[in-house]
Amino acid sequence: MAHVGFIQDKLEIKFLILYVASRLIEPVPFEAMQELTMCDEGIDFFDFSECLSALVSSGHLTVSEDGLYAITEKGLHNGTICESSLPYSVRLRADKNITIYNQKLKRRSQIKSEITPRTNGTYTVTLAFNDDADESILKMELMVPGEVMAQDLAKRFRENAEQLYSGVLNALFEEPKA
């Protein structure tokens, strides 16, 4: 059977995994490594899994107790040496996917929510939208009557923090109604 894709062997899969891992802004779970690495038709799941495991065993990657993969200094060094051997089109596709994934990671780290029960049976929902330096752009504490409502507010805030911020600014800069 003819080989499909630009990646031709397990060594190139390892190079690609190191390429991906070196460009991520934080450790990621197995599924993210798989999604970002399998950007070429020449990679199948079993070869990917075997190569990922081999890179952990060799000390090029680490895996935390909660299953997050990160590149080591050894992996960075060796990956940098070998990345030019990856096909250019594969690197471009990987870079595009990594950029999108890093943007999601960055946004997730900028939006925080915390639910705290109060003594009277209600809940305080603390919502924060932070900048890159982890300084608050918008921070609110809201009291709600139930835990389900608190969880719903936190979820909606995570999904729409930018729109809420714009809405608050628009409301504050609106001309007062007489």
N, C-alpha and C. Protein backbone atom coordinates (compact mmCIF):
# COMPACT_ATOMS: atom_id res chain seq x y z
N MET A 1 0.84 -1.18 0.00
CA MET A 1 0.00 0.00 0.00
C MET A 1 0.89 1.25 0.00
N ALA A 2 0.60 2.19 -0.85
CA ALA A 2 1.38 3.41 -0.97
C ALA A 2 1.16 4.29 0.26
N HIS A 3 2.22 4.96 0.69
CA HIS A 3 2.17 5.84 1.85
C HIS A 3 1.56 7.18 1.43
N VAL A 4 0.59 7.67 2.19
CA VAL A 4 -0.09 8.93 1.90
C VAL A 4 0.45 9.99 2.86
N GLY A 5 0.61 11.21 2.39
CA GLY A 5 1.07 12.30 3.24
C GLY A 5 2.55 12.55 3.10
N PHE A 6 3.00 13.61 3.77
CA PHE A 6 4.41 14.00 3.69
C PHE A 6 5.25 13.33 4.77
N ILE A 7 4.65 13.03 5.90
CA ILE A 7 5.36 12.37 6.99
C ILE A 7 5.51 10.90 6.61
N GLN A 8 6.75 10.42 6.58
CA GLN A 8 7.00 9.08 6.04
C GLN A 8 7.38 8.03 7.08
N ASP A 9 7.85 8.43 8.27
CA ASP A 9 8.27 7.42 9.25
C ASP A 9 8.09 7.95 10.67
N LYS A 10 8.37 7.07 11.63
CA LYS A 10 8.16 7.42 13.04
C LYS A 10 9.12 8.51 13.51
N LEU A 11 10.30 8.56 12.96
CA LEU A 11 11.24 9.61 13.33
C LEU A 11 10.67 10.98 12.98
N GLU A 12 10.07 11.11 11.82
CA GLU A 12 9.46 12.38 11.43
C GLU A 12 8.25 12.70 12.32
N ILE A 13 7.51 11.68 12.74
CA ILE A 13 6.40 11.92 13.66
C ILE A 13 6.94 12.48 14.98
N LYS A 14 8.03 11.93 15.46
CA LYS A 14 8.66 12.44 16.69
C LYS A 14 9.11 13.88 16.51
N PHE A 15 9.71 14.19 15.37
CA PHE A 15 10.12 15.57 15.10
C PHE A 15 8.91 16.50 15.13
N LEU A 16 7.81 16.05 14.54
CA LEU A 16 6.60 16.87 14.50
C LEU A 16 6.02 17.06 15.90
N ILE A 17 6.02 16.02 16.70
CA ILE A 17 5.52 16.15 18.08
C ILE A 17 6.37 17.17 18.84
N LEU A 18 7.68 17.10 18.70
CA LEU A 18 8.56 18.06 19.36
C LEU A 18 8.32 19.47 18.82
N TYR A 19 8.10 19.59 17.52
CA TYR A 19 7.81 20.87 16.89
C TYR A 19 6.55 21.49 17.51
N VAL A 20 5.51 20.68 17.63
CA VAL A 20 4.25 21.14 18.20
C VAL A 20 4.44 21.52 19.67
N ALA A 21 5.03 20.62 20.44
CA ALA A 21 5.18 20.84 21.89
C ALA A 21 6.00 22.08 22.19
N SER A 22 6.99 22.37 21.36
CA SER A 22 7.85 23.53 21.61
C SER A 22 7.14 24.86 21.38
N ARG A 23 6.02 24.85 20.70
CA ARG A 23 5.31 26.08 20.37
C ARG A 23 4.04 26.30 21.20
N LEU A 24 3.73 25.37 22.07
CA LEU A 24 2.55 25.52 22.92
C LEU A 24 2.89 26.37 24.14
N ILE A 25 1.95 27.19 24.56
CA ILE A 25 2.21 28.12 25.66
C ILE A 25 2.02 27.50 27.04
N GLU A 26 1.46 26.30 27.10
CA GLU A 26 1.33 25.59 28.37
C GLU A 26 1.17 24.10 28.09
N PRO A 27 1.39 23.28 29.11
CA PRO A 27 1.21 21.83 28.92
C PRO A 27 -0.23 21.50 28.48
N VAL A 28 -0.36 20.45 27.68
CA VAL A 28 -1.67 20.10 27.11
C VAL A 28 -1.96 18.61 27.31
N PRO A 29 -3.24 18.24 27.28
CA PRO A 29 -3.59 16.82 27.41
C PRO A 29 -3.28 16.03 26.14
N PHE A 30 -3.36 14.71 26.26
CA PHE A 30 -3.08 13.79 25.16
C PHE A 30 -3.89 14.17 23.91
N GLU A 31 -5.19 14.43 24.10
CA GLU A 31 -6.09 14.71 22.98
C GLU A 31 -5.63 15.94 22.19
N ALA A 32 -5.14 16.96 22.87
CA ALA A 32 -4.65 18.16 22.19
C ALA A 32 -3.38 17.85 21.41
N MET A 33 -2.45 17.09 22.02
CA MET A 33 -1.23 16.71 21.30
C MET A 33 -1.60 15.92 20.05
N GLN A 34 -2.56 15.01 20.19
CA GLN A 34 -2.99 14.20 19.05
C GLN A 34 -3.58 15.08 17.95
N GLU A 35 -4.50 15.95 18.34
CA GLU A 35 -5.16 16.81 17.36
C GLU A 35 -4.16 17.70 16.63
N LEU A 36 -3.22 18.26 17.35
CA LEU A 36 -2.25 19.18 16.75
C LEU A 36 -1.18 18.46 15.92
N THR A 37 -0.84 17.25 16.30
CA THR A 37 0.19 16.51 15.58
C THR A 37 -0.34 15.81 14.34
N MET A 38 -1.55 15.34 14.39
CA MET A 38 -2.09 14.57 13.27
C MET A 38 -2.63 15.50 12.18
N CYS A 39 -1.76 16.38 11.72
CA CYS A 39 -2.12 17.35 10.68
C CYS A 39 -1.66 16.90 9.30
N ASP A 40 -1.21 15.66 9.21
CA ASP A 40 -0.74 15.11 7.93
C ASP A 40 -1.33 13.71 7.78
N GLU A 41 -1.69 13.37 6.55
CA GLU A 41 -2.31 12.07 6.28
C GLU A 41 -1.35 10.90 6.51
N GLY A 42 -0.07 11.17 6.63
CA GLY A 42 0.91 10.13 6.83
C GLY A 42 1.02 9.65 8.27
N ILE A 43 0.22 10.22 9.17
CA ILE A 43 0.29 9.86 10.59
C ILE A 43 -0.97 9.12 10.98
N ASP A 44 -0.81 7.96 11.60
CA ASP A 44 -1.99 7.28 12.13
C ASP A 44 -1.93 7.29 13.66
N PHE A 45 -3.03 7.01 14.28
CA PHE A 45 -3.15 7.11 15.73
C PHE A 45 -2.16 6.23 16.46
N PHE A 46 -1.97 5.01 16.01
CA PHE A 46 -1.10 4.08 16.72
C PHE A 46 0.35 4.51 16.65
N ASP A 47 0.80 4.96 15.47
CA ASP A 47 2.17 5.47 15.36
C ASP A 47 2.36 6.72 16.22
N PHE A 48 1.36 7.61 16.20
CA PHE A 48 1.43 8.81 17.03
C PHE A 48 1.57 8.43 18.50
N SER A 49 0.71 7.54 18.98
CA SER A 49 0.72 7.13 20.40
C SER A 49 2.06 6.52 20.78
N GLU A 50 2.59 5.68 19.91
CA GLU A 50 3.88 5.04 20.17
C GLU A 50 5.01 6.08 20.23
N CYS A 51 4.99 7.02 19.31
CA CYS A 51 6.03 8.05 19.27
C CYS A 51 5.94 8.98 20.48
N LEU A 52 4.74 9.34 20.87
CA LEU A 52 4.55 10.20 22.04
C LEU A 52 5.10 9.51 23.29
N SER A 53 4.76 8.25 23.44
CA SER A 53 5.25 7.47 24.58
C SER A 53 6.77 7.37 24.57
N ALA A 54 7.35 7.16 23.40
CA ALA A 54 8.81 7.06 23.28
C ALA A 54 9.49 8.37 23.66
N LEU A 55 8.88 9.49 23.29
CA LEU A 55 9.46 10.79 23.63
C LEU A 55 9.40 11.05 25.14
N VAL A 56 8.37 10.56 25.80
CA VAL A 56 8.30 10.67 27.26
C VAL A 56 9.37 9.79 27.88
N SER A 57 9.49 8.56 27.40
CA SER A 57 10.49 7.61 27.93
C SER A 57 11.91 8.13 27.75
N SER A 58 12.16 8.81 26.66
CA SER A 58 13.51 9.31 26.38
C SER A 58 13.82 10.64 27.05
N GLY A 59 12.83 11.22 27.71
CA GLY A 59 13.06 12.49 28.41
C GLY A 59 12.90 13.73 27.56
N HIS A 60 12.37 13.60 26.36
CA HIS A 60 12.13 14.75 25.50
C HIS A 60 10.84 15.48 25.88
N LEU A 61 9.90 14.73 26.45
CA LEU A 61 8.63 15.27 26.93
C LEU A 61 8.41 14.77 28.35
N THR A 62 7.61 15.51 29.10
CA THR A 62 7.15 15.03 30.40
C THR A 62 5.64 14.93 30.35
N VAL A 63 5.11 14.08 31.22
CA VAL A 63 3.66 14.00 31.38
C VAL A 63 3.39 14.11 32.88
N SER A 64 2.54 15.07 33.25
CA SER A 64 2.24 15.31 34.65
C SER A 64 1.25 14.28 35.17
N GLU A 65 1.01 14.30 36.48
CA GLU A 65 0.07 13.36 37.09
C GLU A 65 -1.34 13.52 36.52
N ASP A 66 -1.68 14.74 36.12
CA ASP A 66 -3.02 14.97 35.56
C ASP A 66 -3.04 14.82 34.03
N GLY A 67 -2.00 14.23 33.47
CA GLY A 67 -1.99 13.86 32.05
C GLY A 67 -1.66 14.97 31.08
N LEU A 68 -0.94 15.99 31.52
CA LEU A 68 -0.57 17.10 30.64
C LEU A 68 0.86 16.92 30.15
N TYR A 69 1.04 17.06 28.84
CA TYR A 69 2.35 16.88 28.21
C TYR A 69 3.04 18.23 28.03
N ALA A 70 4.35 18.23 28.32
CA ALA A 70 5.16 19.43 28.15
C ALA A 70 6.53 19.03 27.63
N ILE A 71 7.16 19.93 26.91
CA ILE A 71 8.49 19.66 26.35
C ILE A 71 9.55 19.97 27.40
N THR A 72 10.62 19.22 27.38
CA THR A 72 11.75 19.44 28.28
C THR A 72 12.84 20.23 27.56
N GLU A 73 13.88 20.61 28.31
CA GLU A 73 15.02 21.29 27.68
C GLU A 73 15.67 20.40 26.63
N LYS A 74 15.78 19.13 26.94
CA LYS A 74 16.33 18.16 25.98
C LYS A 74 15.47 18.13 24.72
N GLY A 75 14.16 18.11 24.88
CA GLY A 75 13.25 18.10 23.74
C GLY A 75 13.35 19.38 22.92
N LEU A 76 13.46 20.51 23.62
CA LEU A 76 13.62 21.79 22.90
C LEU A 76 14.90 21.79 22.08
N HIS A 77 15.98 21.37 22.70
CA HIS A 77 17.27 21.37 22.01
C HIS A 77 17.24 20.45 20.78
N ASN A 78 16.82 19.22 20.98
CA ASN A 78 16.81 18.26 19.87
C ASN A 78 15.76 18.61 18.81
N GLY A 79 14.63 19.12 19.26
CA GLY A 79 13.58 19.50 18.31
C GLY A 79 14.01 20.64 17.41
N THR A 80 14.72 21.61 17.97
CA THR A 80 15.21 22.74 17.18
C THR A 80 16.19 22.28 16.10
N ILE A 81 17.02 21.34 16.45
CA ILE A 81 18.00 20.82 15.49
C ILE A 81 17.30 20.12 14.32
N CYS A 82 16.21 19.41 14.62
CA CYS A 82 15.58 18.54 13.62
C CYS A 82 14.39 19.15 12.89
N GLU A 83 13.88 20.29 13.34
CA GLU A 83 12.63 20.79 12.77
C GLU A 83 12.74 21.15 11.29
N SER A 84 13.91 21.51 10.82
CA SER A 84 14.04 21.87 9.41
C SER A 84 13.87 20.66 8.49
N SER A 85 13.96 19.47 9.05
CA SER A 85 13.76 18.28 8.22
C SER A 85 12.28 17.97 7.99
N LEU A 86 11.39 18.67 8.71
CA LEU A 86 9.95 18.49 8.47
C LEU A 86 9.54 19.19 7.18
N PRO A 87 8.65 18.59 6.43
CA PRO A 87 8.18 19.26 5.21
C PRO A 87 7.56 20.62 5.52
N TYR A 88 7.85 21.58 4.69
CA TYR A 88 7.39 22.96 4.90
C TYR A 88 5.86 23.04 5.02
N SER A 89 5.15 22.31 4.17
CA SER A 89 3.68 22.36 4.21
C SER A 89 3.13 21.81 5.52
N VAL A 90 3.79 20.82 6.09
CA VAL A 90 3.36 20.25 7.37
C VAL A 90 3.61 21.28 8.49
N ARG A 91 4.76 21.95 8.45
CA ARG A 91 5.04 22.98 9.45
C ARG A 91 4.04 24.12 9.37
N LEU A 92 3.68 24.52 8.16
CA LEU A 92 2.69 25.59 8.01
C LEU A 92 1.34 25.20 8.60
N ARG A 93 0.90 23.99 8.28
CA ARG A 93 -0.38 23.50 8.81
C ARG A 93 -0.33 23.40 10.33
N ALA A 94 0.77 22.88 10.85
CA ALA A 94 0.92 22.76 12.30
C ALA A 94 0.94 24.14 12.95
N ASP A 95 1.66 25.10 12.37
CA ASP A 95 1.72 26.45 12.92
C ASP A 95 0.34 27.10 13.00
N LYS A 96 -0.44 26.91 11.95
CA LYS A 96 -1.80 27.47 11.94
C LYS A 96 -2.63 26.88 13.07
N ASN A 97 -2.60 25.56 13.21
CA ASN A 97 -3.37 24.90 14.26
C ASN A 97 -2.88 25.27 15.66
N ILE A 98 -1.57 25.38 15.83
CA ILE A 98 -0.99 25.75 17.12
C ILE A 98 -1.38 27.17 17.50
N THR A 99 -1.37 28.08 16.54
CA THR A 99 -1.75 29.46 16.81
C THR A 99 -3.19 29.55 17.32
N ILE A 100 -4.07 28.84 16.67
CA ILE A 100 -5.49 28.83 17.08
C ILE A 100 -5.62 28.22 18.48
N TYR A 101 -4.93 27.12 18.73
CA TYR A 101 -5.01 26.46 20.03
C TYR A 101 -4.43 27.36 21.13
N ASN A 102 -3.29 28.00 20.87
CA ASN A 102 -2.69 28.90 21.87
C ASN A 102 -3.61 30.08 22.18
N GLN A 103 -4.32 30.58 21.19
CA GLN A 103 -5.27 31.66 21.44
C GLN A 103 -6.38 31.21 22.38
N LYS A 104 -6.85 29.98 22.20
CA LYS A 104 -7.87 29.44 23.11
C LYS A 104 -7.32 29.29 24.53
N LEU A 105 -6.08 28.79 24.64
CA LEU A 105 -5.46 28.64 25.96
C LEU A 105 -5.30 30.00 26.64
N LYS A 106 -4.86 30.99 25.87
CA LYS A 106 -4.65 32.32 26.41
C LYS A 106 -5.96 32.93 26.90
N ARG A 107 -7.01 32.81 26.10
CA ARG A 107 -8.31 33.35 26.48
C ARG A 107 -8.82 32.67 27.74
N ARG A 108 -8.69 31.35 27.79
CA ARG A 108 -9.16 30.61 28.96
C ARG A 108 -8.45 31.07 30.23
N SER A 109 -7.16 31.40 30.12
CA SER A 109 -6.42 31.85 31.30
C SER A 109 -6.78 33.27 31.70
N GLN A 110 -7.36 34.04 30.80
CA GLN A 110 -7.73 35.42 31.10
C GLN A 110 -9.10 35.54 31.77
N ILE A 111 -9.91 34.50 31.70
CA ILE A 111 -11.26 34.57 32.23
C ILE A 111 -11.37 33.64 33.42
N LYS A 112 -11.76 34.21 34.55
CA LYS A 112 -11.83 33.44 35.78
C LYS A 112 -13.21 33.59 36.41
N SER A 113 -13.65 32.53 37.05
CA SER A 113 -14.91 32.59 37.78
C SER A 113 -14.79 31.74 39.04
N GLU A 114 -15.46 32.18 40.07
CA GLU A 114 -15.44 31.46 41.34
C GLU A 114 -16.82 31.56 41.96
N ILE A 115 -17.30 30.46 42.49
CA ILE A 115 -18.61 30.41 43.13
C ILE A 115 -18.39 30.10 44.61
N THR A 116 -18.94 30.98 45.46
CA THR A 116 -18.77 30.82 46.90
C THR A 116 -20.13 30.80 47.58
N PRO A 117 -20.42 29.76 48.38
CA PRO A 117 -21.69 29.75 49.11
C PRO A 117 -21.66 30.79 50.24
N ARG A 118 -22.83 31.36 50.50
CA ARG A 118 -22.96 32.35 51.57
C ARG A 118 -23.74 31.73 52.72
N THR A 119 -23.65 32.33 53.86
CA THR A 119 -24.29 31.76 55.05
C THR A 119 -25.82 31.75 54.96
N ASN A 120 -26.40 32.63 54.18
CA ASN A 120 -27.87 32.70 54.08
C ASN A 120 -28.44 31.78 53.00
N GLY A 121 -27.61 30.90 52.42
CA GLY A 121 -28.08 29.96 51.41
C GLY A 121 -27.94 30.44 49.98
N THR A 122 -27.52 31.66 49.79
CA THR A 122 -27.30 32.19 48.45
C THR A 122 -25.85 31.95 48.06
N TYR A 123 -25.47 32.42 46.87
CA TYR A 123 -24.11 32.22 46.38
C TYR A 123 -23.55 33.53 45.84
N THR A 124 -22.26 33.72 46.01
CA THR A 124 -21.56 34.84 45.39
C THR A 124 -20.79 34.29 44.19
N VAL A 125 -21.00 34.90 43.05
CA VAL A 125 -20.28 34.54 41.84
C VAL A 125 -19.28 35.67 41.56
N THR A 126 -17.99 35.35 41.60
CA THR A 126 -16.96 36.32 41.28
C THR A 126 -16.50 36.05 39.86
N LEU A 127 -16.60 37.06 39.00
CA LEU A 127 -16.25 36.94 37.58
C LEU A 127 -15.14 37.93 37.28
N ALA A 128 -14.10 37.49 36.61
CA ALA A 128 -12.98 38.37 36.29
C ALA A 128 -12.52 38.13 34.86
N PHE A 129 -12.27 39.24 34.16
CA PHE A 129 -11.70 39.23 32.82
C PHE A 129 -10.38 39.98 32.94
N ASN A 130 -9.26 39.27 32.73
CA ASN A 130 -7.93 39.83 32.96
C ASN A 130 -7.17 40.07 31.66
N ASP A 131 -6.17 40.95 31.75
CA ASP A 131 -5.31 41.18 30.60
C ASP A 131 -4.16 40.18 30.62
N ASP A 132 -3.18 40.38 29.73
CA ASP A 132 -2.06 39.44 29.62
C ASP A 132 -1.19 39.40 30.87
N ALA A 133 -1.20 40.49 31.66
CA ALA A 133 -0.39 40.55 32.87
C ALA A 133 -1.18 40.08 34.09
N ASP A 134 -2.33 39.47 33.86
CA ASP A 134 -3.23 38.96 34.90
C ASP A 134 -3.78 40.07 35.80
N GLU A 135 -3.90 41.26 35.23
CA GLU A 135 -4.54 42.39 35.91
C GLU A 135 -5.99 42.46 35.45
N SER A 136 -6.88 42.79 36.38
CA SER A 136 -8.30 42.81 36.04
C SER A 136 -8.65 43.93 35.07
N ILE A 137 -9.36 43.56 34.02
CA ILE A 137 -9.97 44.53 33.10
C ILE A 137 -11.40 44.79 33.60
N LEU A 138 -12.04 43.71 34.02
CA LEU A 138 -13.40 43.78 34.54
C LEU A 138 -13.51 42.73 35.63
N LYS A 139 -14.04 43.13 36.79
CA LYS A 139 -14.25 42.17 37.88
C LYS A 139 -15.57 42.50 38.55
N MET A 140 -16.39 41.47 38.72
CA MET A 140 -17.70 41.66 39.34
C MET A 140 -17.95 40.57 40.36
N GLU A 141 -18.71 40.93 41.38
CA GLU A 141 -19.23 39.96 42.32
C GLU A 141 -20.74 40.10 42.32
N LEU A 142 -21.42 39.01 42.06
CA LEU A 142 -22.87 39.02 41.99
C LEU A 142 -23.42 38.01 42.99
N MET A 143 -24.49 38.37 43.65
CA MET A 143 -25.18 37.46 44.55
C MET A 143 -26.35 36.86 43.80
N VAL A 144 -26.47 35.52 43.86
CA VAL A 144 -27.57 34.82 43.20
C VAL A 144 -28.21 33.85 44.19
N PRO A 145 -29.49 33.53 43.99
CA PRO A 145 -30.18 32.69 44.96
C PRO A 145 -29.84 31.20 44.93
N GLY A 146 -29.30 30.68 43.83
CA GLY A 146 -29.06 29.25 43.77
C GLY A 146 -27.76 28.88 43.09
N GLU A 147 -27.29 27.67 43.39
CA GLU A 147 -26.03 27.19 42.83
C GLU A 147 -26.12 26.98 41.32
N VAL A 148 -27.25 26.47 40.84
CA VAL A 148 -27.42 26.25 39.41
C VAL A 148 -27.33 27.58 38.66
N MET A 149 -27.97 28.62 39.23
CA MET A 149 -27.91 29.94 38.61
C MET A 149 -26.47 30.47 38.63
N ALA A 150 -25.75 30.23 39.71
CA ALA A 150 -24.35 30.68 39.81
C ALA A 150 -23.50 30.00 38.75
N GLN A 151 -23.68 28.69 38.57
CA GLN A 151 -22.91 27.96 37.56
C GLN A 151 -23.25 28.45 36.16
N ASP A 152 -24.53 28.75 35.92
CA ASP A 152 -24.96 29.25 34.62
C ASP A 152 -24.34 30.62 34.34
N LEU A 153 -24.31 31.50 35.34
CA LEU A 153 -23.69 32.82 35.17
C LEU A 153 -22.20 32.67 34.84
N ALA A 154 -21.51 31.80 35.56
CA ALA A 154 -20.08 31.60 35.32
C ALA A 154 -19.84 31.08 33.90
N LYS A 155 -20.66 30.14 33.47
CA LYS A 155 -20.53 29.59 32.12
C LYS A 155 -20.77 30.66 31.06
N ARG A 156 -21.83 31.44 31.24
CA ARG A 156 -22.15 32.49 30.27
C ARG A 156 -21.06 33.56 30.23
N PHE A 157 -20.49 33.86 31.39
CA PHE A 157 -19.41 34.84 31.43
C PHE A 157 -18.19 34.33 30.66
N ARG A 158 -17.82 33.04 30.88
CA ARG A 158 -16.67 32.47 30.15
C ARG A 158 -16.89 32.53 28.64
N GLU A 159 -18.12 32.33 28.20
CA GLU A 159 -18.41 32.34 26.77
C GLU A 159 -18.50 33.74 26.17
N ASN A 160 -18.83 34.74 26.97
CA ASN A 160 -19.14 36.08 26.44
C ASN A 160 -18.46 37.22 27.19
N ALA A 161 -17.30 37.00 27.77
CA ALA A 161 -16.65 38.04 28.58
C ALA A 161 -16.38 39.32 27.79
N GLU A 162 -15.93 39.19 26.56
CA GLU A 162 -15.63 40.39 25.76
C GLU A 162 -16.89 41.20 25.47
N GLN A 163 -17.98 40.53 25.15
CA GLN A 163 -19.23 41.23 24.86
C GLN A 163 -19.77 41.89 26.12
N LEU A 164 -19.64 41.23 27.26
CA LEU A 164 -20.10 41.82 28.52
C LEU A 164 -19.28 43.07 28.84
N TYR A 165 -17.99 42.99 28.66
CA TYR A 165 -17.11 44.15 28.91
C TYR A 165 -17.53 45.33 28.02
N SER A 166 -17.76 45.07 26.74
CA SER A 166 -18.19 46.13 25.82
C SER A 166 -19.55 46.68 26.24
N GLY A 167 -20.44 45.80 26.65
CA GLY A 167 -21.77 46.23 27.07
C GLY A 167 -21.72 47.12 28.30
N VAL A 168 -20.87 46.77 29.26
CA VAL A 168 -20.72 47.59 30.47
C VAL A 168 -20.16 48.96 30.09
N LEU A 169 -19.13 49.00 29.24
CA LEU A 169 -18.57 50.30 28.82
C LEU A 169 -19.61 51.14 28.08
N ASN A 170 -20.35 50.50 27.18
CA ASN A 170 -21.39 51.23 26.45
C ASN A 170 -22.44 51.78 27.39
N ALA A 171 -22.85 50.99 28.36
CA ALA A 171 -23.86 51.45 29.32
C ALA A 171 -23.34 52.61 30.16
N LEU A 172 -22.07 52.56 30.53
CA LEU A 172 -21.50 53.63 31.36
C LEU A 172 -21.27 54.92 30.57
N PHE A 173 -21.00 54.81 29.29
CA PHE A 173 -20.76 56.00 28.47
C PHE A 173 -22.01 56.52 27.77
N GLU A 174 -23.11 55.85 27.95
CA GLU A 174 -24.36 56.28 27.35
C GLU A 174 -24.83 57.58 28.01
N GLU A 175 -25.46 58.43 27.23
CA GLU A 175 -26.01 59.66 27.79
C GLU A 175 -27.12 59.30 28.78
N PRO A 176 -27.12 59.96 29.92
CA PRO A 176 -28.17 59.66 30.90
C PRO A 176 -29.55 60.02 30.34
N LYS A 177 -30.52 59.19 30.69
CA LYS A 177 -31.89 59.43 30.24
C LYS A 177 -32.55 60.36 31.25
N ALA A 178 -33.22 61.39 30.73
CA ALA A 178 -33.84 62.39 31.62
C ALA A 178 -35.15 61.93 32.19
